[in-house]
Amino acid sequence: MMPIIFRWIINAIALMLITLVVPGFSVESFGYALLAAFVLGLVNAIVRPLLFILTLPVTIMTLGLFTFILNALMIWLVSTIVDGFVVEGFIPALLAALLLWFVSIGTNSLIKHAQEGK
């Protein structure tokens, strides 16, 4: 359970930091960042797998790069659901998806390292 909470908080912090570097991407407060990170997790768990299967041929043809487009669409979708989380277009969503991907790599590494230390 702790890795899930850790990821949730790290993703919320990342969303707050992304607002500093990506124009057109804003979060009103850390509370909204927590809510957006939670909803993004739900959307990625429920909607994204279905879209991934439907777009598998395109993903294969682009050697997996289309997954960044799917991630951007998921972020954009979350911005329509969470009021204090605003993404003003596809390019800010794509940049945020790329930055969240880097954060996810780091988070996965930290969790793996922590679990190996047990």
Protein backbone atom coordinates (compact mmCIF):
# COMPACT_ATOMS: atom_id res chain seq x y z
CA MET A 1 0.00 0.00 0.00
CA MET A 2 2.87 2.39 0.74
CA PRO A 3 4.25 2.32 -2.84
CA ILE A 4 0.84 3.44 -4.14
CA ILE A 5 0.66 6.35 -1.70
CA PHE A 6 4.29 7.23 -2.46
CA ARG A 7 3.57 7.30 -6.23
CA TRP A 8 0.44 9.37 -5.66
CA ILE A 9 2.27 12.03 -3.64
CA ILE A 10 5.27 12.09 -6.01
CA ASN A 11 2.95 12.50 -9.02
CA ALA A 12 1.10 15.35 -7.27
CA ILE A 13 4.41 17.08 -6.55
CA ALA A 14 5.46 16.50 -10.17
CA LEU A 15 2.22 18.08 -11.40
CA MET A 16 2.95 21.14 -9.27
CA LEU A 17 6.51 21.36 -10.63
CA ILE A 18 5.36 20.91 -14.23
CA THR A 19 3.31 24.10 -13.85
CA LEU A 20 6.63 25.95 -13.49
CA VAL A 21 8.07 24.77 -16.81
CA VAL A 22 5.12 24.13 -19.14
CA PRO A 23 3.10 27.14 -20.28
CA GLY A 24 -0.62 26.37 -20.53
CA PHE A 25 -0.43 23.84 -17.70
CA SER A 26 -1.65 24.91 -14.27
CA VAL A 27 -2.79 23.50 -10.95
CA GLU A 28 -4.47 25.83 -8.44
CA SER A 29 -3.17 24.15 -5.27
CA PHE A 30 -1.51 21.04 -3.93
CA GLY A 31 -4.96 19.70 -3.03
CA TYR A 32 -6.00 19.91 -6.66
CA ALA A 33 -2.69 18.30 -7.63
CA LEU A 34 -3.45 15.37 -5.30
CA LEU A 35 -6.94 15.07 -6.77
CA ALA A 36 -5.62 15.28 -10.34
CA ALA A 37 -2.93 12.66 -9.61
CA PHE A 38 -5.59 10.37 -8.13
CA VAL A 39 -7.98 10.81 -11.07
CA LEU A 40 -5.08 10.38 -13.51
CA GLY A 41 -4.22 7.10 -11.80
CA LEU A 42 -7.82 5.91 -12.16
CA VAL A 43 -8.01 6.99 -15.80
CA ASN A 44 -4.70 5.28 -16.54
CA ALA A 45 -5.96 2.11 -14.87
CA ILE A 46 -9.38 2.02 -16.56
CA VAL A 47 -9.50 4.02 -19.81
CA ARG A 48 -5.90 3.87 -21.04
CA PRO A 49 -5.70 0.05 -21.38
CA LEU A 50 -8.81 0.06 -23.58
CA LEU A 51 -7.44 2.83 -25.78
CA PHE A 52 -4.07 1.10 -25.91
CA ILE A 53 -5.66 -2.08 -27.27
CA LEU A 54 -7.74 -0.12 -29.79
CA THR A 55 -4.68 1.80 -31.02
CA LEU A 56 -2.23 -1.11 -30.89
CA PRO A 57 -1.59 -1.13 -34.68
CA VAL A 58 -0.67 2.57 -34.61
CA THR A 59 1.50 2.02 -31.53
CA ILE A 60 3.35 -0.79 -33.28
CA MET A 61 3.82 1.26 -36.45
CA THR A 62 5.28 4.15 -34.43
CA LEU A 63 7.50 1.80 -32.41
CA GLY A 64 5.66 2.70 -29.20
CA LEU A 65 5.86 6.47 -29.54
CA PHE A 66 2.09 6.70 -29.86
CA THR A 67 1.86 5.84 -26.15
CA PHE A 68 3.02 9.40 -25.43
CA ILE A 69 0.01 10.62 -27.41
CA LEU A 70 -2.26 8.37 -25.33
CA ASN A 71 -0.69 9.65 -22.11
CA ALA A 72 -1.21 13.25 -23.25
CA LEU A 73 -4.85 12.48 -24.04
CA MET A 74 -5.29 10.98 -20.56
CA ILE A 75 -3.86 14.14 -18.97
CA TRP A 76 -6.11 16.28 -21.14
CA LEU A 77 -9.11 14.15 -20.14
CA VAL A 78 -8.29 14.58 -16.45
CA SER A 79 -8.16 18.35 -16.95
CA THR A 80 -11.80 18.22 -18.06
CA ILE A 81 -12.76 16.28 -14.92
CA VAL A 82 -10.80 18.13 -12.19
CA ASP A 83 -11.72 21.82 -11.90
CA GLY A 84 -8.48 23.20 -10.43
CA PHE A 85 -6.33 21.36 -12.99
CA VAL A 86 -6.08 23.16 -16.35
CA VAL A 87 -4.35 22.02 -19.52
CA GLU A 88 -4.76 24.55 -22.32
CA GLY A 89 -4.22 22.37 -25.37
CA PHE A 90 -2.56 19.26 -26.64
CA ILE A 91 1.07 20.49 -26.64
CA PRO A 92 1.08 21.29 -22.89
CA ALA A 93 -0.51 17.88 -22.28
CA LEU A 94 2.18 16.18 -24.38
CA LEU A 95 5.00 18.02 -22.59
CA ALA A 96 3.47 17.12 -19.23
CA ALA A 97 3.17 13.48 -20.32
CA LEU A 98 6.87 13.42 -21.21
CA LEU A 99 7.86 14.97 -17.89
CA LEU A 100 5.61 12.61 -15.93
CA TRP A 101 7.22 9.72 -17.79
CA PHE A 102 10.63 10.80 -16.49
CA VAL A 103 9.23 11.14 -12.97
CA SER A 104 7.69 7.68 -13.26
CA ILE A 105 11.05 6.19 -14.25
CA GLY A 106 12.64 7.75 -11.15
CA THR A 107 9.78 6.68 -8.89
CA ASN A 108 9.92 3.10 -10.18
CA SER A 109 13.66 3.03 -9.56
CA LEU A 110 13.26 4.32 -6.00
CA ILE A 111 10.52 1.81 -5.18
CA LYS A 112 12.51 -1.06 -6.67
CA HIS A 113 15.61 -0.03 -4.73
CA ALA A 114 13.60 0.27 -1.49
CA GLN A 115 12.01 -3.16 -1.98
CA GLU A 116 15.40 -4.78 -2.66
CA GLY A 117 16.69 -3.33 0.60
CA LYS A 118 14.07 -5.20 2.65
